Amino acid sequence: MIYTVECSFADPASEAEWNDFYSLDKLPALISVSGFHTSQRLRALSRGCPVYLAMHSIDGLDILTGEEYRRKGGGNFARWQQHITDWHRNLYDGIARAPAIGDDEYLALSAKGPEPLTRLGFTPHAMQAVAMEKFPEHRWLAKVKRTEIDDIELLPEDVHIYEPMTMQLTSDAGVAFGKAR
């Protein structure tokens, strides 16, 4: 299953420090939780969506309600909570593992159906929300090469494009970490 956390951040003065915390501390903590298999942070290049997206591959909802998650990975946001806006969490079924988005790639997302992605020549994969907010109820994602998108500003408004902020962490690799950009 794919666990997504989306948000924007309203304090430019502390945003870089918050991003360092999330990317360098929070993601490695999450990937150390049993049942987490991959974790990656992305930043939206499109308008009309939260700026930040974290995508995690997990075994299921029980991982997010367990003691290990609360102890190691859940929360830890208190210092920045007042600046976090447009915050959404969802658990999606339909894809077992989140794709790793590399430096030369983008993640394209649509909540309007697969057609906006297929019209662009992308291969969409369907996800259905099964827990948490359950909105949007359906999403389609596609991993695309950066060279496949000429101008993000010209894309349909129902297609959101994200670039990687981190490489994808995997539980197989422990907590080894490096920034993608």
N, C-alpha and C. Protein backbone atom coordinates (compact mmCIF):
# COMPACT_ATOMS: atom_id res chain seq x y z
N MET A 1 0.84 -1.17 0.00
CA MET A 1 0.00 0.00 0.00
C MET A 1 0.89 1.24 0.00
N ILE A 2 0.31 2.33 -0.46
CA ILE A 2 1.04 3.60 -0.52
C ILE A 2 0.43 4.56 0.50
N TYR A 3 1.26 5.02 1.41
CA TYR A 3 0.88 6.01 2.41
C TYR A 3 1.43 7.34 1.95
N THR A 4 0.54 8.33 1.78
CA THR A 4 0.97 9.66 1.34
C THR A 4 0.72 10.69 2.43
N VAL A 5 1.65 11.61 2.56
CA VAL A 5 1.50 12.76 3.44
C VAL A 5 1.82 13.98 2.58
N GLU A 6 0.86 14.91 2.52
CA GLU A 6 1.02 16.11 1.71
C GLU A 6 0.83 17.33 2.58
N CYS A 7 1.59 18.39 2.30
CA CYS A 7 1.42 19.63 3.04
C CYS A 7 2.16 20.76 2.35
N SER A 8 1.87 21.94 2.82
CA SER A 8 2.63 23.13 2.46
C SER A 8 3.20 23.68 3.76
N PHE A 9 4.08 24.66 3.66
CA PHE A 9 4.74 25.23 4.84
C PHE A 9 4.68 26.74 4.74
N ALA A 10 4.19 27.39 5.77
CA ALA A 10 3.87 28.82 5.70
C ALA A 10 4.90 29.76 6.31
N ASP A 11 6.06 29.26 6.73
CA ASP A 11 7.06 30.13 7.33
C ASP A 11 8.38 30.04 6.57
N PRO A 12 8.61 30.94 5.60
CA PRO A 12 9.85 30.88 4.81
C PRO A 12 11.12 30.94 5.67
N ALA A 13 11.05 31.59 6.83
CA ALA A 13 12.25 31.74 7.67
C ALA A 13 12.73 30.39 8.23
N SER A 14 11.81 29.46 8.48
CA SER A 14 12.21 28.17 9.06
C SER A 14 12.02 27.00 8.10
N GLU A 15 11.63 27.28 6.87
CA GLU A 15 11.31 26.20 5.93
C GLU A 15 12.52 25.32 5.59
N ALA A 16 13.68 25.90 5.39
CA ALA A 16 14.87 25.10 5.08
C ALA A 16 15.22 24.17 6.24
N GLU A 17 15.13 24.68 7.46
CA GLU A 17 15.41 23.85 8.63
C GLU A 17 14.39 22.73 8.76
N TRP A 18 13.12 23.04 8.51
CA TRP A 18 12.06 22.03 8.56
C TRP A 18 12.31 20.95 7.50
N ASN A 19 12.68 21.38 6.28
CA ASN A 19 12.96 20.41 5.22
C ASN A 19 14.13 19.52 5.59
N ASP A 20 15.16 20.08 6.20
CA ASP A 20 16.29 19.26 6.65
C ASP A 20 15.83 18.24 7.69
N PHE A 21 15.02 18.68 8.66
CA PHE A 21 14.49 17.77 9.67
C PHE A 21 13.70 16.64 9.01
N TYR A 22 12.79 17.00 8.12
CA TYR A 22 11.92 15.99 7.51
C TYR A 22 12.74 15.01 6.66
N SER A 23 13.63 15.54 5.84
CA SER A 23 14.40 14.69 4.93
C SER A 23 15.51 13.90 5.62
N LEU A 24 16.19 14.51 6.59
CA LEU A 24 17.36 13.88 7.20
C LEU A 24 17.06 13.12 8.48
N ASP A 25 15.99 13.49 9.20
CA ASP A 25 15.65 12.82 10.45
C ASP A 25 14.38 11.98 10.34
N LYS A 26 13.31 12.61 9.86
CA LYS A 26 11.99 11.96 9.84
C LYS A 26 11.97 10.75 8.89
N LEU A 27 12.41 10.92 7.64
CA LEU A 27 12.36 9.79 6.70
C LEU A 27 13.17 8.59 7.19
N PRO A 28 14.42 8.77 7.65
CA PRO A 28 15.14 7.61 8.17
C PRO A 28 14.45 6.98 9.39
N ALA A 29 13.81 7.79 10.22
CA ALA A 29 13.07 7.23 11.36
C ALA A 29 11.90 6.38 10.86
N LEU A 30 11.18 6.89 9.87
CA LEU A 30 10.04 6.14 9.34
C LEU A 30 10.47 4.82 8.71
N ILE A 31 11.52 4.84 7.92
CA ILE A 31 11.94 3.63 7.22
C ILE A 31 12.45 2.57 8.20
N SER A 32 12.77 2.99 9.43
CA SER A 32 13.21 2.02 10.44
C SER A 32 12.03 1.31 11.12
N VAL A 33 10.80 1.77 10.86
CA VAL A 33 9.61 1.15 11.44
C VAL A 33 9.28 -0.14 10.68
N SER A 34 9.09 -1.22 11.38
CA SER A 34 8.71 -2.49 10.75
C SER A 34 7.44 -2.29 9.94
N GLY A 35 7.45 -2.75 8.69
CA GLY A 35 6.28 -2.60 7.82
C GLY A 35 6.40 -1.44 6.85
N PHE A 36 7.38 -0.55 7.06
CA PHE A 36 7.70 0.49 6.09
C PHE A 36 8.76 -0.09 5.15
N HIS A 37 8.56 0.04 3.84
CA HIS A 37 9.49 -0.54 2.88
C HIS A 37 10.22 0.51 2.05
N THR A 38 9.54 1.62 1.72
CA THR A 38 10.19 2.70 0.99
C THR A 38 9.66 4.04 1.51
N SER A 39 10.47 5.08 1.38
CA SER A 39 10.07 6.44 1.73
C SER A 39 10.82 7.41 0.83
N GLN A 40 10.10 8.41 0.33
CA GLN A 40 10.72 9.44 -0.51
C GLN A 40 9.92 10.72 -0.39
N ARG A 41 10.62 11.85 -0.43
CA ARG A 41 9.99 13.16 -0.42
C ARG A 41 10.11 13.80 -1.79
N LEU A 42 9.03 14.50 -2.17
CA LEU A 42 8.99 15.19 -3.45
C LEU A 42 8.43 16.58 -3.24
N ARG A 43 8.73 17.46 -4.20
CA ARG A 43 8.25 18.84 -4.16
C ARG A 43 7.45 19.10 -5.44
N ALA A 44 6.28 19.72 -5.27
CA ALA A 44 5.43 20.03 -6.42
C ALA A 44 6.04 21.14 -7.25
N LEU A 45 6.01 20.95 -8.55
CA LEU A 45 6.40 22.00 -9.48
C LEU A 45 5.15 22.65 -10.08
N SER A 46 4.01 22.02 -9.85
CA SER A 46 2.72 22.52 -10.33
C SER A 46 2.05 23.35 -9.26
N ARG A 47 1.14 24.19 -9.69
CA ARG A 47 0.31 24.95 -8.74
C ARG A 47 -0.96 24.15 -8.46
N GLY A 48 -1.68 24.56 -7.41
CA GLY A 48 -2.97 23.95 -7.13
C GLY A 48 -2.91 22.68 -6.32
N CYS A 49 -1.78 22.43 -5.65
CA CYS A 49 -1.65 21.25 -4.80
C CYS A 49 -0.68 21.60 -3.67
N PRO A 50 -0.69 20.81 -2.59
CA PRO A 50 0.30 21.05 -1.54
C PRO A 50 1.72 20.97 -2.12
N VAL A 51 2.63 21.73 -1.54
CA VAL A 51 4.00 21.83 -2.05
C VAL A 51 4.78 20.53 -1.84
N TYR A 52 4.59 19.88 -0.71
CA TYR A 52 5.39 18.71 -0.36
C TYR A 52 4.55 17.44 -0.38
N LEU A 53 5.18 16.37 -0.86
CA LEU A 53 4.56 15.05 -0.90
C LEU A 53 5.58 14.04 -0.41
N ALA A 54 5.20 13.28 0.61
CA ALA A 54 6.01 12.14 1.05
C ALA A 54 5.23 10.88 0.67
N MET A 55 5.90 9.96 0.00
CA MET A 55 5.27 8.70 -0.40
C MET A 55 6.02 7.55 0.26
N HIS A 56 5.25 6.69 0.91
CA HIS A 56 5.82 5.56 1.62
C HIS A 56 5.11 4.29 1.17
N SER A 57 5.87 3.21 1.03
CA SER A 57 5.30 1.89 0.80
C SER A 57 5.25 1.20 2.15
N ILE A 58 4.04 0.79 2.55
CA ILE A 58 3.88 0.14 3.85
C ILE A 58 3.01 -1.11 3.70
N ASP A 59 3.01 -1.93 4.74
CA ASP A 59 2.23 -3.17 4.71
C ASP A 59 0.74 -2.94 4.87
N GLY A 60 0.32 -1.91 5.61
CA GLY A 60 -1.10 -1.67 5.82
C GLY A 60 -1.34 -0.67 6.93
N LEU A 61 -2.61 -0.37 7.15
CA LEU A 61 -3.02 0.64 8.14
C LEU A 61 -2.54 0.31 9.54
N ASP A 62 -2.50 -0.96 9.89
CA ASP A 62 -2.08 -1.32 11.25
C ASP A 62 -0.67 -0.83 11.58
N ILE A 63 0.17 -0.65 10.59
CA ILE A 63 1.53 -0.11 10.81
C ILE A 63 1.43 1.30 11.38
N LEU A 64 0.47 2.11 10.87
CA LEU A 64 0.34 3.51 11.27
C LEU A 64 -0.37 3.68 12.61
N THR A 65 -0.98 2.63 13.10
CA THR A 65 -1.67 2.71 14.39
C THR A 65 -0.89 1.98 15.49
N GLY A 66 0.25 1.42 15.11
CA GLY A 66 1.04 0.63 16.06
C GLY A 66 1.94 1.48 16.95
N GLU A 67 2.39 0.86 18.01
CA GLU A 67 3.26 1.50 18.99
C GLU A 67 4.62 1.88 18.39
N GLU A 68 5.17 1.01 17.55
CA GLU A 68 6.48 1.31 16.97
C GLU A 68 6.43 2.58 16.11
N TYR A 69 5.37 2.74 15.34
CA TYR A 69 5.21 3.95 14.53
C TYR A 69 5.09 5.18 15.42
N ARG A 70 4.29 5.08 16.47
CA ARG A 70 4.13 6.23 17.38
C ARG A 70 5.46 6.57 18.04
N ARG A 71 6.22 5.57 18.38
CA ARG A 71 7.50 5.79 19.08
C ARG A 71 8.58 6.31 18.14
N LYS A 72 8.70 5.74 16.95
CA LYS A 72 9.81 6.06 16.04
C LYS A 72 9.46 7.09 14.97
N GLY A 73 8.28 7.00 14.40
CA GLY A 73 8.03 7.76 13.19
C GLY A 73 6.89 8.75 13.23
N GLY A 74 5.89 8.48 14.03
CA GLY A 74 4.73 9.37 14.06
C GLY A 74 5.04 10.64 14.83
N GLY A 75 4.41 11.71 14.44
CA GLY A 75 4.57 12.97 15.17
C GLY A 75 5.93 13.61 14.95
N ASN A 76 6.55 14.06 16.03
CA ASN A 76 7.83 14.75 16.01
C ASN A 76 7.78 16.08 15.24
N PHE A 77 6.59 16.59 15.02
CA PHE A 77 6.42 17.81 14.25
C PHE A 77 6.17 19.03 15.14
N ALA A 78 6.09 18.86 16.43
CA ALA A 78 5.60 19.92 17.32
C ALA A 78 6.23 21.29 17.04
N ARG A 79 7.51 21.32 16.82
CA ARG A 79 8.21 22.59 16.59
C ARG A 79 7.71 23.34 15.36
N TRP A 80 7.27 22.59 14.34
CA TRP A 80 6.87 23.21 13.07
C TRP A 80 5.37 23.16 12.82
N GLN A 81 4.62 22.50 13.67
CA GLN A 81 3.19 22.27 13.44
C GLN A 81 2.42 23.54 13.10
N GLN A 82 2.72 24.64 13.75
CA GLN A 82 2.00 25.90 13.52
C GLN A 82 2.17 26.43 12.10
N HIS A 83 3.22 25.98 11.40
CA HIS A 83 3.49 26.47 10.05
C HIS A 83 3.05 25.50 8.95
N ILE A 84 2.64 24.30 9.34
CA ILE A 84 2.23 23.29 8.36
C ILE A 84 0.79 23.57 7.95
N THR A 85 0.58 23.71 6.66
CA THR A 85 -0.76 24.02 6.13
C THR A 85 -1.12 22.98 5.06
N ASP A 86 -2.38 22.95 4.71
CA ASP A 86 -2.87 22.09 3.62
C ASP A 86 -2.37 20.66 3.80
N TRP A 87 -2.50 20.15 5.04
CA TRP A 87 -1.95 18.85 5.43
C TRP A 87 -2.98 17.76 5.15
N HIS A 88 -2.55 16.70 4.45
CA HIS A 88 -3.45 15.59 4.11
C HIS A 88 -2.69 14.27 4.22
N ARG A 89 -3.39 13.24 4.72
CA ARG A 89 -2.81 11.90 4.79
C ARG A 89 -3.80 10.91 4.18
N ASN A 90 -3.28 10.00 3.40
CA ASN A 90 -4.10 8.97 2.78
C ASN A 90 -3.34 7.66 2.69
N LEU A 91 -4.10 6.58 2.68
CA LEU A 91 -3.55 5.26 2.44
C LEU A 91 -4.23 4.72 1.20
N TYR A 92 -3.42 4.38 0.20
CA TYR A 92 -3.93 3.92 -1.10
C TYR A 92 -3.56 2.47 -1.33
N ASP A 93 -4.51 1.76 -1.94
CA ASP A 93 -4.28 0.40 -2.39
C ASP A 93 -4.23 0.41 -3.92
N GLY A 94 -3.74 -0.64 -4.50
CA GLY A 94 -3.67 -0.73 -5.95
C GLY A 94 -2.24 -0.81 -6.45
N ILE A 95 -1.32 -0.28 -5.70
CA ILE A 95 0.11 -0.35 -6.02
C ILE A 95 0.83 -0.82 -4.76
N ALA A 96 1.60 -1.87 -4.89
CA ALA A 96 2.29 -2.43 -3.72
C ALA A 96 3.44 -1.56 -3.24
N ARG A 97 4.20 -0.99 -4.18
CA ARG A 97 5.37 -0.19 -3.83
C ARG A 97 5.37 1.11 -4.61
N ALA A 98 5.71 2.19 -3.93
CA ALA A 98 5.83 3.49 -4.59
C ALA A 98 7.04 3.45 -5.53
N PRO A 99 6.91 4.02 -6.70
CA PRO A 99 8.07 4.04 -7.60
C PRO A 99 9.15 4.96 -7.07
N ALA A 100 10.40 4.59 -7.26
CA ALA A 100 11.52 5.48 -6.91
C ALA A 100 11.64 6.51 -8.02
N ILE A 101 11.60 7.78 -7.66
CA ILE A 101 11.72 8.86 -8.64
C ILE A 101 13.16 9.37 -8.59
N GLY A 102 13.88 9.21 -9.70
CA GLY A 102 15.29 9.59 -9.77
C GLY A 102 15.47 11.05 -10.17
N ASP A 103 16.71 11.49 -10.15
CA ASP A 103 17.04 12.88 -10.48
C ASP A 103 16.60 13.29 -11.88
N ASP A 104 16.54 12.34 -12.79
CA ASP A 104 16.16 12.64 -14.17
C ASP A 104 14.68 12.37 -14.44
N GLU A 105 13.89 12.25 -13.36
CA GLU A 105 12.48 11.88 -13.49
C GLU A 105 11.57 12.82 -12.71
N TYR A 106 10.29 12.74 -13.06
CA TYR A 106 9.23 13.41 -12.33
C TYR A 106 8.19 12.37 -11.96
N LEU A 107 7.40 12.68 -10.96
CA LEU A 107 6.19 11.94 -10.64
C LEU A 107 5.03 12.79 -11.13
N ALA A 108 4.15 12.21 -11.93
CA ALA A 108 2.94 12.90 -12.39
C ALA A 108 1.76 12.26 -11.69
N LEU A 109 0.88 13.09 -11.12
CA LEU A 109 -0.31 12.62 -10.42
C LEU A 109 -1.55 13.27 -10.99
N SER A 110 -2.63 12.49 -11.05
CA SER A 110 -3.93 13.01 -11.45
C SER A 110 -5.00 12.40 -10.56
N ALA A 111 -5.94 13.21 -10.13
CA ALA A 111 -7.08 12.72 -9.37
C ALA A 111 -8.34 12.72 -10.24
N LYS A 112 -8.22 13.14 -11.49
CA LYS A 112 -9.37 13.26 -12.40
C LYS A 112 -9.56 12.03 -13.27
N GLY A 113 -8.66 11.08 -13.19
CA GLY A 113 -8.75 9.89 -14.03
C GLY A 113 -7.43 9.65 -14.73
N PRO A 114 -7.31 8.51 -15.41
CA PRO A 114 -6.06 8.22 -16.11
C PRO A 114 -5.90 9.03 -17.40
N GLU A 115 -7.01 9.52 -17.97
CA GLU A 115 -6.97 10.18 -19.27
C GLU A 115 -6.01 11.36 -19.36
N PRO A 116 -5.97 12.26 -18.36
CA PRO A 116 -5.02 13.37 -18.47
C PRO A 116 -3.57 12.90 -18.63
N LEU A 117 -3.24 11.78 -18.00
CA LEU A 117 -1.88 11.24 -18.09
C LEU A 117 -1.67 10.51 -19.42
N THR A 118 -2.66 9.73 -19.84
CA THR A 118 -2.50 8.99 -21.10
C THR A 118 -2.45 9.93 -22.29
N ARG A 119 -3.20 11.04 -22.23
CA ARG A 119 -3.14 12.03 -23.32
C ARG A 119 -1.74 12.62 -23.47
N LEU A 120 -1.00 12.65 -22.37
CA LEU A 120 0.38 13.16 -22.41
C LEU A 120 1.39 12.08 -22.81
N GLY A 121 0.89 10.86 -23.02
CA GLY A 121 1.77 9.75 -23.41
C GLY A 121 2.36 9.01 -22.23
N PHE A 122 1.86 9.25 -21.02
CA PHE A 122 2.37 8.60 -19.83
C PHE A 122 1.57 7.32 -19.57
N THR A 123 2.15 6.40 -18.81
CA THR A 123 1.48 5.16 -18.42
C THR A 123 1.02 5.27 -16.97
N PRO A 124 -0.28 5.53 -16.75
CA PRO A 124 -0.77 5.71 -15.38
C PRO A 124 -1.02 4.39 -14.65
N HIS A 125 -0.84 4.45 -13.34
CA HIS A 125 -1.13 3.33 -12.45
C HIS A 125 -2.17 3.83 -11.45
N ALA A 126 -3.22 3.04 -11.26
CA ALA A 126 -4.35 3.45 -10.43
C ALA A 126 -4.14 3.11 -8.97
N MET A 127 -4.59 4.04 -8.12
CA MET A 127 -4.61 3.82 -6.67
C MET A 127 -6.00 4.20 -6.16
N GLN A 128 -6.46 3.50 -5.15
CA GLN A 128 -7.74 3.81 -4.52
C GLN A 128 -7.53 4.03 -3.03
N ALA A 129 -8.07 5.15 -2.52
CA ALA A 129 -7.94 5.47 -1.09
C ALA A 129 -8.76 4.47 -0.27
N VAL A 130 -8.13 3.91 0.75
CA VAL A 130 -8.81 2.92 1.59
C VAL A 130 -8.84 3.33 3.06
N ALA A 131 -8.11 4.37 3.44
CA ALA A 131 -8.09 4.78 4.84
C ALA A 131 -7.62 6.23 4.95
N MET A 132 -7.82 6.78 6.14
CA MET A 132 -7.48 8.16 6.49
C MET A 132 -8.49 9.10 5.83
N GLU A 133 -8.04 10.14 5.14
CA GLU A 133 -8.99 11.10 4.56
C GLU A 133 -9.82 10.51 3.43
N LYS A 134 -9.25 9.59 2.70
CA LYS A 134 -9.90 8.97 1.53
C LYS A 134 -10.29 10.01 0.48
N PHE A 135 -9.50 11.07 0.40
CA PHE A 135 -9.74 12.10 -0.61
C PHE A 135 -8.40 12.62 -1.10
N PRO A 136 -8.14 12.61 -2.38
CA PRO A 136 -9.06 12.12 -3.39
C PRO A 136 -9.21 10.60 -3.32
N GLU A 137 -10.39 10.15 -3.65
CA GLU A 137 -10.70 8.72 -3.54
C GLU A 137 -9.86 7.88 -4.50
N HIS A 138 -9.61 8.42 -5.69
CA HIS A 138 -8.80 7.73 -6.69
C HIS A 138 -7.68 8.66 -7.14
N ARG A 139 -6.55 8.06 -7.42
CA ARG A 139 -5.42 8.80 -7.97
C ARG A 139 -4.71 7.91 -8.97
N TRP A 140 -4.14 8.55 -9.96
CA TRP A 140 -3.33 7.85 -10.94
C TRP A 140 -1.96 8.49 -10.94
N LEU A 141 -0.95 7.65 -10.96
CA LEU A 141 0.41 8.19 -10.97
C LEU A 141 1.18 7.61 -12.13
N ALA A 142 2.17 8.37 -12.57
CA ALA A 142 3.06 7.94 -13.63
C ALA A 142 4.46 8.47 -13.33
N LYS A 143 5.43 7.63 -13.55
CA LYS A 143 6.84 8.01 -13.44
C LYS A 143 7.28 8.39 -14.85
N VAL A 144 7.80 9.62 -15.01
CA VAL A 144 8.15 10.08 -16.35
C VAL A 144 9.56 10.68 -16.36
N LYS A 145 10.21 10.57 -17.49
CA LYS A 145 11.51 11.21 -17.67
C LYS A 145 11.29 12.72 -17.79
N ARG A 146 12.19 13.49 -17.25
CA ARG A 146 12.06 14.95 -17.33
C ARG A 146 12.00 15.43 -18.77
N THR A 147 12.68 14.72 -19.65
CA THR A 147 12.69 15.12 -21.06
C THR A 147 11.34 14.93 -21.74
N GLU A 148 10.41 14.20 -21.09
CA GLU A 148 9.07 13.98 -21.67
C GLU A 148 8.13 15.16 -21.42
N ILE A 149 8.56 16.12 -20.60
CA ILE A 149 7.71 17.28 -20.30
C ILE A 149 8.44 18.53 -20.77
N ASP A 150 7.86 19.19 -21.76
CA ASP A 150 8.49 20.40 -22.30
C ASP A 150 8.31 21.61 -21.39
N ASP A 151 7.06 21.84 -20.95
CA ASP A 151 6.76 23.03 -20.15
C ASP A 151 5.67 22.69 -19.14
N ILE A 152 6.05 22.64 -17.88
CA ILE A 152 5.10 22.29 -16.81
C ILE A 152 3.92 23.24 -16.79
N GLU A 153 4.16 24.50 -17.09
CA GLU A 153 3.09 25.51 -17.09
C GLU A 153 2.00 25.22 -18.12
N LEU A 154 2.32 24.44 -19.15
CA LEU A 154 1.35 24.14 -20.20
C LEU A 154 0.58 22.84 -19.97
N LEU A 155 0.88 22.14 -18.89
CA LEU A 155 0.17 20.89 -18.60
C LEU A 155 -1.25 21.19 -18.14
N PRO A 156 -2.16 20.23 -18.31
CA PRO A 156 -3.53 20.42 -17.79
C PRO A 156 -3.48 20.66 -16.28
N GLU A 157 -4.39 21.49 -15.77
CA GLU A 157 -4.36 21.82 -14.34
C GLU A 157 -4.68 20.63 -13.44
N ASP A 158 -5.22 19.56 -14.01
CA ASP A 158 -5.51 18.38 -13.20
C ASP A 158 -4.34 17.38 -13.18
N VAL A 159 -3.20 17.76 -13.71
CA VAL A 159 -1.98 16.95 -13.64
C VAL A 159 -0.97 17.73 -12.79
N HIS A 160 -0.51 17.09 -11.71
CA HIS A 160 0.47 17.72 -10.83
C HIS A 160 1.80 16.99 -10.99
N ILE A 161 2.85 17.78 -11.12
CA ILE A 161 4.19 17.25 -11.35
C ILE A 161 5.06 17.51 -10.11
N TYR A 162 5.79 16.47 -9.71
CA TYR A 162 6.66 16.54 -8.53
C TYR A 162 8.07 16.12 -8.91
N GLU A 163 9.04 16.81 -8.32
CA GLU A 163 10.44 16.43 -8.47
C GLU A 163 10.93 15.86 -7.15
N PRO A 164 11.91 14.95 -7.19
CA PRO A 164 12.41 14.36 -5.93
C PRO A 164 13.21 15.38 -5.11
N MET A 165 12.99 15.35 -3.81
CA MET A 165 13.81 16.12 -2.87
C MET A 165 14.87 15.21 -2.26
N THR A 166 14.54 13.92 -2.20
CA THR A 166 15.44 12.92 -1.64
C THR A 166 15.44 11.72 -2.58
N MET A 167 16.42 10.89 -2.42
CA MET A 167 16.36 9.59 -3.08
C MET A 167 15.35 8.75 -2.30
N GLN A 168 14.89 7.67 -2.90
CA GLN A 168 13.96 6.79 -2.18
C GLN A 168 14.76 5.93 -1.20
N LEU A 169 14.39 5.99 0.06
CA LEU A 169 14.98 5.12 1.06
C LEU A 169 14.25 3.79 1.02
N THR A 170 14.98 2.71 1.25
CA THR A 170 14.35 1.40 1.31
C THR A 170 14.75 0.72 2.60
N SER A 171 13.86 -0.10 3.14
CA SER A 171 14.19 -0.81 4.37
C SER A 171 15.30 -1.82 4.12
N ASP A 172 15.45 -2.28 2.88
CA ASP A 172 16.54 -3.20 2.54
C ASP A 172 17.89 -2.55 2.72
N ALA A 173 17.95 -1.22 2.49
CA ALA A 173 19.21 -0.50 2.56
C ALA A 173 19.41 0.14 3.92
N GLY A 174 18.54 -0.18 4.87
CA GLY A 174 18.64 0.46 6.19
C GLY A 174 18.30 1.93 6.10
N VAL A 175 19.05 2.74 6.80
CA VAL A 175 18.76 4.16 6.80
C VAL A 175 19.82 4.96 6.06
N ALA A 176 20.52 4.32 5.15
CA ALA A 176 21.48 5.07 4.33
C ALA A 176 20.70 6.16 3.60
N PHE A 177 21.28 7.33 3.54
CA PHE A 177 20.51 8.45 3.01
C PHE A 177 21.39 9.37 2.20
N GLY A 178 20.79 9.92 1.15
CA GLY A 178 21.47 10.93 0.36
C GLY A 178 20.43 11.78 -0.33
N LYS A 179 20.72 13.03 -0.50
CA LYS A 179 19.78 13.92 -1.20
C LYS A 179 19.89 13.69 -2.70
N ALA A 180 18.72 13.75 -3.34
CA ALA A 180 18.71 13.56 -4.79
C ALA A 180 19.12 14.83 -5.51
N ARG A 181 18.92 15.96 -4.89
CA ARG A 181 19.21 17.21 -5.58
C ARG A 181 20.16 18.04 -4.76
